[in-house]
Amino acid sequence: MKKFELGKRHKLCGAVAVDRLFTDRESRSALCYPLRGVWREATVRREGDARFQFVVTVPKKRLRHAVDRVAARRRIREAYRLNHGGIEECRHDDGGAPVDMAFIYVANSVLPSTAIHAAMKRLLGKIHDIDNNSRSDKEA
């Protein structure tokens, strides 16, 4: 059942790491409505940290009520928990570098879980595909 775990080691912590994620030129982004993903290869990881670490952002400008923001955040984390196993297995086989990710909710209302799950699958697929393409370009 390790495939579906989502513990503290998966959380992207620290102001420097989050700031680097949004300001670095190496960062990439993609939009899969209702989620926007931003990711970059991490430089270092502490012992015991997950290969993929993420942070979830639900802007107050989009969802005014705290109850709605918390519901959206929970749905995004659940979608990631259920779908991250496939990309981590592929990445582990490739021997790739660790990745920092941010998921930003861009819808103006709380959408059903099925829409968020579908967007998360598409977004994780894009992260995997674009990352593989950029790595093969560097090697060539």
Foldseek 3Di string as FASTA:
>chain_A
DVLLDDDPLQADDDPVVVVCQVPPPQWDWDDQPQKIKIKHFDDDDDPPHALEHEEEEEDCVQPVDPVFVVVLVVLLVNLCSVQVSVLSVVCVVVVDGRMYMYIYGRHNGRDDSVSSNVSVNVRSVVVSVVVVVVVVVVVD
